[in-house]
Amino acid sequence: LGNEIETLINDEKSAGSYEVDFTGDGLTSGTYFYQLRSGNFIETKKMVLMK
């Protein structure tokens, strides 16, 4: 799809709920795709960044 911009977390975590702050600093307004991966689970979503 494009270039990887940033990896927010690349650690093993125990089961639970987590939050990650993403500011988009250094990025221009536009449409971006993000991906969540855990074990065999992979989900890709789209977001629109407006500054």
Foldseek 3Di string as FASTA:
>chain_A
DDDDDDDQDDDDDDDDDDDTDDDCPPHAWAKDKDWDDDDPDIDIDIDTDDD
